[in-house]
Amino acid sequence: MVLQRLAGAARGELAKTRLRRIEEYDRGHSSHYLETLRIHLSSFGDPTRASALLGIHTNTLRYRLGRIRDLFGIDVGLEDERLALLIEFRLAELNHI
């Protein structure tokens, strides 16, 4: 499953759908889920560091991660999911998505 998603990401399809979907939701709801996800992943899952970088309380970070799971089906507690997301973010940066 993850490898299939990564294969799609290599063609730019996954990064366009999952990350764009979050980005569009953020725009429509004045939320910050995409930034939260990016910072959380770049902080290697350290909630204290991610919270500090985002300027929010650790509980707010946990709430947002829960909402990301509920809204988009993304569970950052899964190692394969984190890897796939890191690759998607990199591909999105390369493709200017």
PDB file of N, CA and C in Angstrom:
ATOM      1  N   MET A   1       0.826  -1.194   0.000  1.00  0.00           N
ATOM      2  CA  MET A   1       0.000   0.000   0.000  1.00  0.00           C
ATOM      3  C   MET A   1       0.870   1.256   0.000  1.00  0.00           C
ATOM      4  N   VAL A   2       1.798   1.342   0.929  1.00  0.00           N
ATOM      5  CA  VAL A   2       2.660   2.518   1.013  1.00  0.00           C
ATOM      6  C   VAL A   2       3.508   2.639  -0.242  1.00  0.00           C
ATOM      7  N   LEU A   3       4.041   1.516  -0.716  1.00  0.00           N
ATOM      8  CA  LEU A   3       4.863   1.568  -1.921  1.00  0.00           C
ATOM      9  C   LEU A   3       4.062   2.022  -3.131  1.00  0.00           C
ATOM     10  N   GLN A   4       2.803   1.630  -3.201  1.00  0.00           N
ATOM     11  CA  GLN A   4       1.960   2.087  -4.298  1.00  0.00           C
ATOM     12  C   GLN A   4       1.748   3.595  -4.221  1.00  0.00           C
ATOM     13  N   ARG A   5       1.538   4.096  -2.994  1.00  0.00           N
ATOM     14  CA  ARG A   5       1.357   5.541  -2.829  1.00  0.00           C
ATOM     15  C   ARG A   5       2.632   6.281  -3.200  1.00  0.00           C
ATOM     16  N   LEU A   6       3.784   5.727  -2.830  1.00  0.00           N
ATOM     17  CA  LEU A   6       5.051   6.375  -3.164  1.00  0.00           C
ATOM     18  C   LEU A   6       5.305   6.358  -4.660  1.00  0.00           C
ATOM     19  N   ALA A   7       4.898   5.277  -5.312  1.00  0.00           N
ATOM     20  CA  ALA A   7       5.036   5.222  -6.765  1.00  0.00           C
ATOM     21  C   ALA A   7       4.204   6.323  -7.402  1.00  0.00           C
ATOM     22  N   GLY A   8       3.002   6.541  -6.886  1.00  0.00           N
ATOM     23  CA  GLY A   8       2.165   7.637  -7.376  1.00  0.00           C
ATOM     24  C   GLY A   8       2.791   8.980  -7.074  1.00  0.00           C
ATOM     25  N   ALA A   9       3.412   9.092  -5.906  1.00  0.00           N
ATOM     26  CA  ALA A   9       4.059  10.347  -5.520  1.00  0.00           C
ATOM     27  C   ALA A   9       5.203  10.668  -6.461  1.00  0.00           C
ATOM     28  N   ALA A  10       5.897   9.630  -6.921  1.00  0.00           N
ATOM     29  CA  ALA A  10       7.006   9.849  -7.845  1.00  0.00           C
ATOM     30  C   ALA A  10       6.514  10.510  -9.126  1.00  0.00           C
ATOM     31  N   ARG A  11       5.267  10.258  -9.464  1.00  0.00           N
ATOM     32  CA  ARG A  11       4.682  10.908 -10.640  1.00  0.00           C
ATOM     33  C   ARG A  11       4.007  12.227 -10.272  1.00  0.00           C
ATOM     34  N   GLY A  12       4.072  12.582  -8.987  1.00  0.00           N
ATOM     35  CA  GLY A  12       3.491  13.834  -8.547  1.00  0.00           C
ATOM     36  C   GLY A  12       2.021  13.741  -8.197  1.00  0.00           C
ATOM     37  N   GLU A  13       1.412  12.565  -8.352  1.00  0.00           N
ATOM     38  CA  GLU A  13      -0.022  12.434  -8.136  1.00  0.00           C
ATOM     39  C   GLU A  13      -0.391  12.520  -6.663  1.00  0.00           C
ATOM     40  N   LEU A  14       0.336  11.806  -5.822  1.00  0.00           N
ATOM     41  CA  LEU A  14      -0.018  11.759  -4.411  1.00  0.00           C
ATOM     42  C   LEU A  14       0.225  13.099  -3.742  1.00  0.00           C
ATOM     43  N   ALA A  15       1.366  13.681  -4.010  1.00  0.00           N
ATOM     44  CA  ALA A  15       1.669  14.969  -3.401  1.00  0.00           C
ATOM     45  C   ALA A  15       0.619  16.000  -3.790  1.00  0.00           C
ATOM     46  N   LYS A  16       0.130  15.911  -5.010  1.00  0.00           N
ATOM     47  CA  LYS A  16      -0.895  16.850  -5.455  1.00  0.00           C
ATOM     48  C   LYS A  16      -2.216  16.613  -4.736  1.00  0.00           C
ATOM     49  N   THR A  17      -2.519  15.367  -4.425  1.00  0.00           N
ATOM     50  CA  THR A  17      -3.817  15.108  -3.831  1.00  0.00           C
ATOM     51  C   THR A  17      -3.813  15.271  -2.324  1.00  0.00           C
ATOM     52  N   ARG A  18      -2.993  14.530  -1.605  1.00  0.00           N
ATOM     53  CA  ARG A  18      -3.034  14.590  -0.140  1.00  0.00           C
ATOM     54  C   ARG A  18      -2.605  15.949   0.394  1.00  0.00           C
ATOM     55  N   LEU A  19      -1.479  16.437  -0.048  1.00  0.00           N
ATOM     56  CA  LEU A  19      -0.998  17.717   0.469  1.00  0.00           C
ATOM     57  C   LEU A  19      -1.872  18.871   0.003  1.00  0.00           C
ATOM     58  N   ARG A  20      -2.315  18.814  -1.224  1.00  0.00           N
ATOM     59  CA  ARG A  20      -3.209  19.875  -1.711  1.00  0.00           C
ATOM     60  C   ARG A  20      -4.536  19.861  -0.981  1.00  0.00           C
ATOM     61  N   ARG A  21      -5.020  18.678  -0.701  1.00  0.00           N
ATOM     62  CA  ARG A  21      -6.291  18.576   0.028  1.00  0.00           C
ATOM     63  C   ARG A  21      -6.184  19.245   1.391  1.00  0.00           C
ATOM     64  N   ILE A  22      -5.080  19.025   2.070  1.00  0.00           N
ATOM     65  CA  ILE A  22      -4.865  19.668   3.370  1.00  0.00           C
ATOM     66  C   ILE A  22      -4.702  21.169   3.187  1.00  0.00           C
ATOM     67  N   GLU A  23      -3.937  21.554   2.195  1.00  0.00           N
ATOM     68  CA  GLU A  23      -3.727  22.982   1.926  1.00  0.00           C
ATOM     69  C   GLU A  23      -5.050  23.690   1.626  1.00  0.00           C
ATOM     70  N   GLU A  24      -5.877  23.069   0.822  1.00  0.00           N
ATOM     71  CA  GLU A  24      -7.177  23.661   0.484  1.00  0.00           C
ATOM     72  C   GLU A  24      -8.076  23.745   1.717  1.00  0.00           C
ATOM     73  N   TYR A  25      -8.036  22.717   2.538  1.00  0.00           N
ATOM     74  CA  TYR A  25      -8.815  22.742   3.776  1.00  0.00           C
ATOM     75  C   TYR A  25      -8.342  23.901   4.654  1.00  0.00           C
ATOM     76  N   ASP A  26      -7.033  24.044   4.795  1.00  0.00           N
ATOM     77  CA  ASP A  26      -6.472  25.129   5.605  1.00  0.00           C
ATOM     78  C   ASP A  26      -6.949  26.496   5.109  1.00  0.00           C
ATOM     79  N   ARG A  27      -6.918  26.671   3.808  1.00  0.00           N
ATOM     80  CA  ARG A  27      -7.365  27.955   3.235  1.00  0.00           C
ATOM     81  C   ARG A  27      -8.835  28.210   3.535  1.00  0.00           C
ATOM     82  N   GLY A  28      -9.648  27.197   3.398  1.00  0.00           N
ATOM     83  CA  GLY A  28     -11.087  27.349   3.596  1.00  0.00           C
ATOM     84  C   GLY A  28     -11.512  27.455   5.052  1.00  0.00           C
ATOM     85  N   HIS A  29     -10.668  26.990   5.965  1.00  0.00           N
ATOM     86  CA  HIS A  29     -11.042  26.958   7.379  1.00  0.00           C
ATOM     87  C   HIS A  29     -10.087  27.748   8.276  1.00  0.00           C
ATOM     88  N   SER A  30      -9.159  28.462   7.671  1.00  0.00           N
ATOM     89  CA  SER A  30      -8.150  29.230   8.431  1.00  0.00           C
ATOM     90  C   SER A  30      -7.451  28.355   9.477  1.00  0.00           C
ATOM     91  N   SER A  31      -7.167  27.119   9.081  1.00  0.00           N
ATOM     92  CA  SER A  31      -6.445  26.211   9.967  1.00  0.00           C
ATOM     93  C   SER A  31      -4.989  26.128   9.525  1.00  0.00           C
ATOM     94  N   HIS A  32      -4.204  25.383  10.265  1.00  0.00           N
ATOM     95  CA  HIS A  32      -2.761  25.299   9.999  1.00  0.00           C
ATOM     96  C   HIS A  32      -2.292  23.850  10.009  1.00  0.00           C
ATOM     97  N   TYR A  33      -3.082  22.970   9.435  1.00  0.00           N
ATOM     98  CA  TYR A  33      -2.761  21.546   9.499  1.00  0.00           C
ATOM     99  C   TYR A  33      -1.548  21.163   8.649  1.00  0.00           C
ATOM    100  N   LEU A  34      -1.403  21.751   7.476  1.00  0.00           N
ATOM    101  CA  LEU A  34      -0.265  21.402   6.623  1.00  0.00           C
ATOM    102  C   LEU A  34       1.046  21.828   7.280  1.00  0.00           C
ATOM    103  N   GLU A  35       1.091  23.041   7.799  1.00  0.00           N
ATOM    104  CA  GLU A  35       2.291  23.517   8.492  1.00  0.00           C
ATOM    105  C   GLU A  35       2.567  22.667   9.729  1.00  0.00           C
ATOM    106  N   THR A  36       1.521  22.324  10.471  1.00  0.00           N
ATOM    107  CA  THR A  36       1.674  21.481  11.660  1.00  0.00           C
ATOM    108  C   THR A  36       2.275  20.138  11.275  1.00  0.00           C
ATOM    109  N   LEU A  37       1.771  19.546  10.234  1.00  0.00           N
ATOM    110  CA  LEU A  37       2.264  18.258   9.779  1.00  0.00           C
ATOM    111  C   LEU A  37       3.725  18.354   9.350  1.00  0.00           C
ATOM    112  N   ARG A  38       4.049  19.366   8.577  1.00  0.00           N
ATOM    113  CA  ARG A  38       5.426  19.544   8.091  1.00  0.00           C
ATOM    114  C   ARG A  38       6.404  19.742   9.246  1.00  0.00           C
ATOM    115  N   ILE A  39       6.051  20.608  10.180  1.00  0.00           N
ATOM    116  CA  ILE A  39       6.927  20.888  11.322  1.00  0.00           C
ATOM    117  C   ILE A  39       7.055  19.662  12.215  1.00  0.00           C
ATOM    118  N   HIS A  40       5.959  18.969  12.454  1.00  0.00           N
ATOM    119  CA  HIS A  40       5.997  17.756  13.278  1.00  0.00           C
ATOM    120  C   HIS A  40       6.957  16.732  12.682  1.00  0.00           C
ATOM    121  N   LEU A  41       6.857  16.514  11.380  1.00  0.00           N
ATOM    122  CA  LEU A  41       7.726  15.540  10.725  1.00  0.00           C
ATOM    123  C   LEU A  41       9.181  15.998  10.732  1.00  0.00           C
ATOM    124  N   SER A  42       9.409  17.271  10.493  1.00  0.00           N
ATOM    125  CA  SER A  42      10.793  17.762  10.475  1.00  0.00           C
ATOM    126  C   SER A  42      11.400  17.814  11.874  1.00  0.00           C
ATOM    127  N   SER A  43      10.572  17.712  12.887  1.00  0.00           N
ATOM    128  CA  SER A  43      11.045  17.683  14.277  1.00  0.00           C
ATOM    129  C   SER A  43      11.206  16.246  14.773  1.00  0.00           C
ATOM    130  N   PHE A  44      11.145  15.293  13.860  1.00  0.00           N
ATOM    131  CA  PHE A  44      11.286  13.868  14.176  1.00  0.00           C
ATOM    132  C   PHE A  44      10.286  13.412  15.225  1.00  0.00           C
ATOM    133  N   GLY A  45       9.094  14.008  15.196  1.00  0.00           N
ATOM    134  CA  GLY A  45       8.030  13.597  16.106  1.00  0.00           C
ATOM    135  C   GLY A  45       8.193  14.084  17.530  1.00  0.00           C
ATOM    136  N   ASP A  46       9.124  14.989  17.764  1.00  0.00           N
ATOM    137  CA  ASP A  46       9.340  15.542  19.109  1.00  0.00           C
ATOM    138  C   ASP A  46       8.294  16.626  19.357  1.00  0.00           C
ATOM    139  N   PRO A  47       7.286  16.354  20.194  1.00  0.00           N
ATOM    140  CA  PRO A  47       6.204  17.316  20.381  1.00  0.00           C
ATOM    141  C   PRO A  47       6.659  18.623  21.028  1.00  0.00           C
ATOM    142  N   THR A  48       7.651  18.569  21.899  1.00  0.00           N
ATOM    143  CA  THR A  48       8.142  19.795  22.539  1.00  0.00           C
ATOM    144  C   THR A  48       8.791  20.712  21.512  1.00  0.00           C
ATOM    145  N   ARG A  49       9.634  20.137  20.677  1.00  0.00           N
ATOM    146  CA  ARG A  49      10.311  20.934  19.644  1.00  0.00           C
ATOM    147  C   ARG A  49       9.303  21.459  18.614  1.00  0.00           C
ATOM    148  N   ALA A  50       8.426  20.588  18.144  1.00  0.00           N
ATOM    149  CA  ALA A  50       7.443  21.000  17.136  1.00  0.00           C
ATOM    150  C   ALA A  50       6.547  22.100  17.684  1.00  0.00           C
ATOM    151  N   SER A  51       6.101  21.953  18.920  1.00  0.00           N
ATOM    152  CA  SER A  51       5.239  22.969  19.537  1.00  0.00           C
ATOM    153  C   SER A  51       5.956  24.312  19.633  1.00  0.00           C
ATOM    154  N   ALA A  52       7.214  24.269  20.034  1.00  0.00           N
ATOM    155  CA  ALA A  52       7.988  25.504  20.142  1.00  0.00           C
ATOM    156  C   ALA A  52       8.144  26.173  18.780  1.00  0.00           C
ATOM    157  N   LEU A  53       8.452  25.392  17.752  1.00  0.00           N
ATOM    158  CA  LEU A  53       8.608  25.956  16.412  1.00  0.00           C
ATOM    159  C   LEU A  53       7.307  26.546  15.878  1.00  0.00           C
ATOM    160  N   LEU A  54       6.196  25.917  16.237  1.00  0.00           N
ATOM    161  CA  LEU A  54       4.893  26.405  15.789  1.00  0.00           C
ATOM    162  C   LEU A  54       4.350  27.523  16.668  1.00  0.00           C
ATOM    163  N   GLY A  55       4.933  27.681  17.861  1.00  0.00           N
ATOM    164  CA  GLY A  55       4.459  28.706  18.790  1.00  0.00           C
ATOM    165  C   GLY A  55       3.123  28.350  19.415  1.00  0.00           C
ATOM    166  N   ILE A  56       2.918  27.046  19.653  1.00  0.00           N
ATOM    167  CA  ILE A  56       1.663  26.581  20.240  1.00  0.00           C
ATOM    168  C   ILE A  56       1.974  25.666  21.423  1.00  0.00           C
ATOM    169  N   HIS A  57       0.968  25.395  22.231  1.00  0.00           N
ATOM    170  CA  HIS A  57       1.102  24.476  23.358  1.00  0.00           C
ATOM    171  C   HIS A  57       1.167  23.041  22.822  1.00  0.00           C
ATOM    172  N   THR A  58       1.845  22.181  23.539  1.00  0.00           N
ATOM    173  CA  THR A  58       1.971  20.779  23.136  1.00  0.00           C
ATOM    174  C   THR A  58       0.611  20.104  22.985  1.00  0.00           C
ATOM    175  N   ASN A  59      -0.330  20.445  23.852  1.00  0.00           N
ATOM    176  CA  ASN A  59      -1.672  19.863  23.723  1.00  0.00           C
ATOM    177  C   ASN A  59      -2.364  20.310  22.442  1.00  0.00           C
ATOM    178  N   THR A  60      -2.096  21.539  22.019  1.00  0.00           N
ATOM    179  CA  THR A  60      -2.651  22.027  20.756  1.00  0.00           C
ATOM    180  C   THR A  60      -2.070  21.240  19.596  1.00  0.00           C
ATOM    181  N   LEU A  61      -0.788  20.947  19.661  1.00  0.00           N
ATOM    182  CA  LEU A  61      -0.154  20.123  18.634  1.00  0.00           C
ATOM    183  C   LEU A  61      -0.816  18.746  18.579  1.00  0.00           C
ATOM    184  N   ARG A  62      -0.989  18.142  19.707  1.00  0.00           N
ATOM    185  CA  ARG A  62      -1.621  16.814  19.754  1.00  0.00           C
ATOM    186  C   ARG A  62      -3.055  16.872  19.212  1.00  0.00           C
ATOM    187  N   TYR A  63      -3.776  17.931  19.540  1.00  0.00           N
ATOM    188  CA  TYR A  63      -5.134  18.100  19.028  1.00  0.00           C
ATOM    189  C   TYR A  63      -5.103  18.186  17.501  1.00  0.00           C
ATOM    190  N   ARG A  64      -4.205  18.998  16.976  1.00  0.00           N
ATOM    191  CA  ARG A  64      -4.118  19.158  15.518  1.00  0.00           C
ATOM    192  C   ARG A  64      -3.766  17.842  14.839  1.00  0.00           C
ATOM    193  N   LEU A  65      -2.839  17.093  15.401  1.00  0.00           N
ATOM    194  CA  LEU A  65      -2.469  15.807  14.815  1.00  0.00           C
ATOM    195  C   LEU A  65      -3.652  14.844  14.826  1.00  0.00           C
ATOM    196  N   GLY A  66      -4.445  14.911  15.881  1.00  0.00           N
ATOM    197  CA  GLY A  66      -5.660  14.101  15.935  1.00  0.00           C
ATOM    198  C   GLY A  66      -6.659  14.517  14.865  1.00  0.00           C
ATOM    199  N   ARG A  67      -6.793  15.801  14.658  1.00  0.00           N
ATOM    200  CA  ARG A  67      -7.701  16.302  13.618  1.00  0.00           C
ATOM    201  C   ARG A  67      -7.205  15.911  12.233  1.00  0.00           C
ATOM    202  N   ILE A  68      -5.898  15.948  12.023  1.00  0.00           N
ATOM    203  CA  ILE A  68      -5.326  15.520  10.743  1.00  0.00           C
ATOM    204  C   ILE A  68      -5.670  14.052  10.495  1.00  0.00           C
ATOM    205  N   ARG A  69      -5.583  13.234  11.520  1.00  0.00           N
ATOM    206  CA  ARG A  69      -5.945  11.823  11.401  1.00  0.00           C
ATOM    207  C   ARG A  69      -7.434  11.686  11.056  1.00  0.00           C
ATOM    208  N   ASP A  70      -8.273  12.433  11.784  1.00  0.00           N
ATOM    209  CA  ASP A  70      -9.715  12.328  11.582  1.00  0.00           C
ATOM    210  C   ASP A  70     -10.167  12.871  10.225  1.00  0.00           C
ATOM    211  N   LEU A  71      -9.608  13.983   9.821  1.00  0.00           N
ATOM    212  CA  LEU A  71     -10.043  14.641   8.587  1.00  0.00           C
ATOM    213  C   LEU A  71      -9.453  14.022   7.327  1.00  0.00           C
ATOM    214  N   PHE A  72      -8.191  13.609   7.414  1.00  0.00           N
ATOM    215  CA  PHE A  72      -7.482  13.199   6.208  1.00  0.00           C
ATOM    216  C   PHE A  72      -6.999  11.751   6.226  1.00  0.00           C
ATOM    217  N   GLY A  73      -7.238  11.049   7.335  1.00  0.00           N
ATOM    218  CA  GLY A  73      -6.818   9.653   7.419  1.00  0.00           C
ATOM    219  C   GLY A  73      -5.320   9.469   7.516  1.00  0.00           C
ATOM    220  N   ILE A  74      -4.624  10.488   7.995  1.00  0.00           N
ATOM    221  CA  ILE A  74      -3.166  10.436   8.106  1.00  0.00           C
ATOM    222  C   ILE A  74      -2.804  10.201   9.566  1.00  0.00           C
ATOM    223  N   ASP A  75      -2.164   9.072   9.834  1.00  0.00           N
ATOM    224  CA  ASP A  75      -1.777   8.711  11.191  1.00  0.00           C
ATOM    225  C   ASP A  75      -0.260   8.800  11.309  1.00  0.00           C
ATOM    226  N   VAL A  76       0.228   9.880  11.910  1.00  0.00           N
ATOM    227  CA  VAL A  76       1.671  10.081  12.034  1.00  0.00           C
ATOM    228  C   VAL A  76       2.293   9.148  13.063  1.00  0.00           C
ATOM    229  N   GLY A  77       1.479   8.341  13.721  1.00  0.00           N
ATOM    230  CA  GLY A  77       2.001   7.334  14.628  1.00  0.00           C
ATOM    231  C   GLY A  77       2.539   6.111  13.897  1.00  0.00           C
ATOM    232  N   LEU A  78       2.252   6.015  12.616  1.00  0.00           N
ATOM    233  CA  LEU A  78       2.704   4.886  11.802  1.00  0.00           C
ATOM    234  C   LEU A  78       3.994   5.248  11.077  1.00  0.00           C
ATOM    235  N   GLU A  79       5.000   4.421  11.253  1.00  0.00           N
ATOM    236  CA  GLU A  79       6.315   4.688  10.678  1.00  0.00           C
ATOM    237  C   GLU A  79       6.270   4.826   9.153  1.00  0.00           C
ATOM    238  N   ASP A  80       5.565   3.924   8.484  1.00  0.00           N
ATOM    239  CA  ASP A  80       5.468   3.992   7.024  1.00  0.00           C
ATOM    240  C   ASP A  80       4.768   5.265   6.571  1.00  0.00           C
ATOM    241  N   GLU A  81       3.783   5.698   7.336  1.00  0.00           N
ATOM    242  CA  GLU A  81       3.057   6.926   7.000  1.00  0.00           C
ATOM    243  C   GLU A  81       3.993   8.127   7.097  1.00  0.00           C
ATOM    244  N   ARG A  82       4.794   8.169   8.148  1.00  0.00           N
ATOM    245  CA  ARG A  82       5.745   9.279   8.308  1.00  0.00           C
ATOM    246  C   ARG A  82       6.739   9.322   7.154  1.00  0.00           C
ATOM    247  N   LEU A  83       7.253   8.164   6.788  1.00  0.00           N
ATOM    248  CA  LEU A  83       8.196   8.097   5.677  1.00  0.00           C
ATOM    249  C   LEU A  83       7.549   8.584   4.386  1.00  0.00           C
ATOM    250  N   ALA A  84       6.350   8.084   4.109  1.00  0.00           N
ATOM    251  CA  ALA A  84       5.649   8.496   2.894  1.00  0.00           C
ATOM    252  C   ALA A  84       5.406   9.997   2.885  1.00  0.00           C
ATOM    253  N   LEU A  85       5.013  10.551   4.016  1.00  0.00           N
ATOM    254  CA  LEU A  85       4.746  11.990   4.091  1.00  0.00           C
ATOM    255  C   LEU A  85       6.011  12.815   3.889  1.00  0.00           C
ATOM    256  N   LEU A  86       7.111  12.371   4.476  1.00  0.00           N
ATOM    257  CA  LEU A  86       8.382  13.085   4.281  1.00  0.00           C
ATOM    258  C   LEU A  86       8.747  13.124   2.801  1.00  0.00           C
ATOM    259  N   ILE A  87       8.570  12.009   2.129  1.00  0.00           N
ATOM    260  CA  ILE A  87       8.864  11.957   0.697  1.00  0.00           C
ATOM    261  C   ILE A  87       7.894  12.845  -0.080  1.00  0.00           C
ATOM    262  N   GLU A  88       6.623  12.802   0.287  1.00  0.00           N
ATOM    263  CA  GLU A  88       5.631  13.644  -0.388  1.00  0.00           C
ATOM    264  C   GLU A  88       5.968  15.122  -0.246  1.00  0.00           C
ATOM    265  N   PHE A  89       6.347  15.536   0.950  1.00  0.00           N
ATOM    266  CA  PHE A  89       6.716  16.939   1.154  1.00  0.00           C
ATOM    267  C   PHE A  89       7.926  17.308   0.299  1.00  0.00           C
ATOM    268  N   ARG A  90       8.908  16.428   0.236  1.00  0.00           N
ATOM    269  CA  ARG A  90      10.093  16.706  -0.588  1.00  0.00           C
ATOM    270  C   ARG A  90       9.722  16.812  -2.060  1.00  0.00           C
ATOM    271  N   LEU A  91       8.901  15.881  -2.530  1.00  0.00           N
ATOM    272  CA  LEU A  91       8.467  15.932  -3.922  1.00  0.00           C
ATOM    273  C   LEU A  91       7.671  17.195  -4.205  1.00  0.00           C
ATOM    274  N   ALA A  92       6.839  17.574  -3.262  1.00  0.00           N
ATOM    275  CA  ALA A  92       6.045  18.796  -3.434  1.00  0.00           C
ATOM    276  C   ALA A  92       6.960  20.011  -3.527  1.00  0.00           C
ATOM    277  N   GLU A  93       7.997  20.040  -2.714  1.00  0.00           N
ATOM    278  CA  GLU A  93       8.958  21.153  -2.775  1.00  0.00           C
ATOM    279  C   GLU A  93       9.662  21.184  -4.128  1.00  0.00           C
ATOM    280  N   LEU A  94      10.050  20.004  -4.600  1.00  0.00           N
ATOM    281  CA  LEU A  94      10.730  19.931  -5.897  1.00  0.00           C
ATOM    282  C   LEU A  94       9.822  20.346  -7.037  1.00  0.00           C
ATOM    283  N   ASN A  95       8.545  19.988  -6.916  1.00  0.00           N
ATOM    284  CA  ASN A  95       7.580  20.293  -7.974  1.00  0.00           C
ATOM    285  C   ASN A  95       6.868  21.612  -7.744  1.00  0.00           C
ATOM    286  N   HIS A  96       7.254  22.324  -6.684  1.00  0.00           N
ATOM    287  CA  HIS A  96       6.634  23.619  -6.344  1.00  0.00           C
ATOM    288  C   HIS A  96       5.135  23.520  -6.186  1.00  0.00           C
ATOM    289  N   ILE A  97       4.709  22.490  -5.479  1.00  0.00           N
ATOM    290  CA  ILE A  97       3.273  22.278  -5.254  1.00  0.00           C
ATOM    291  C   ILE A  97       2.870  23.044  -4.023  1.00  0.00           C
TER     292      ILE A  97
END
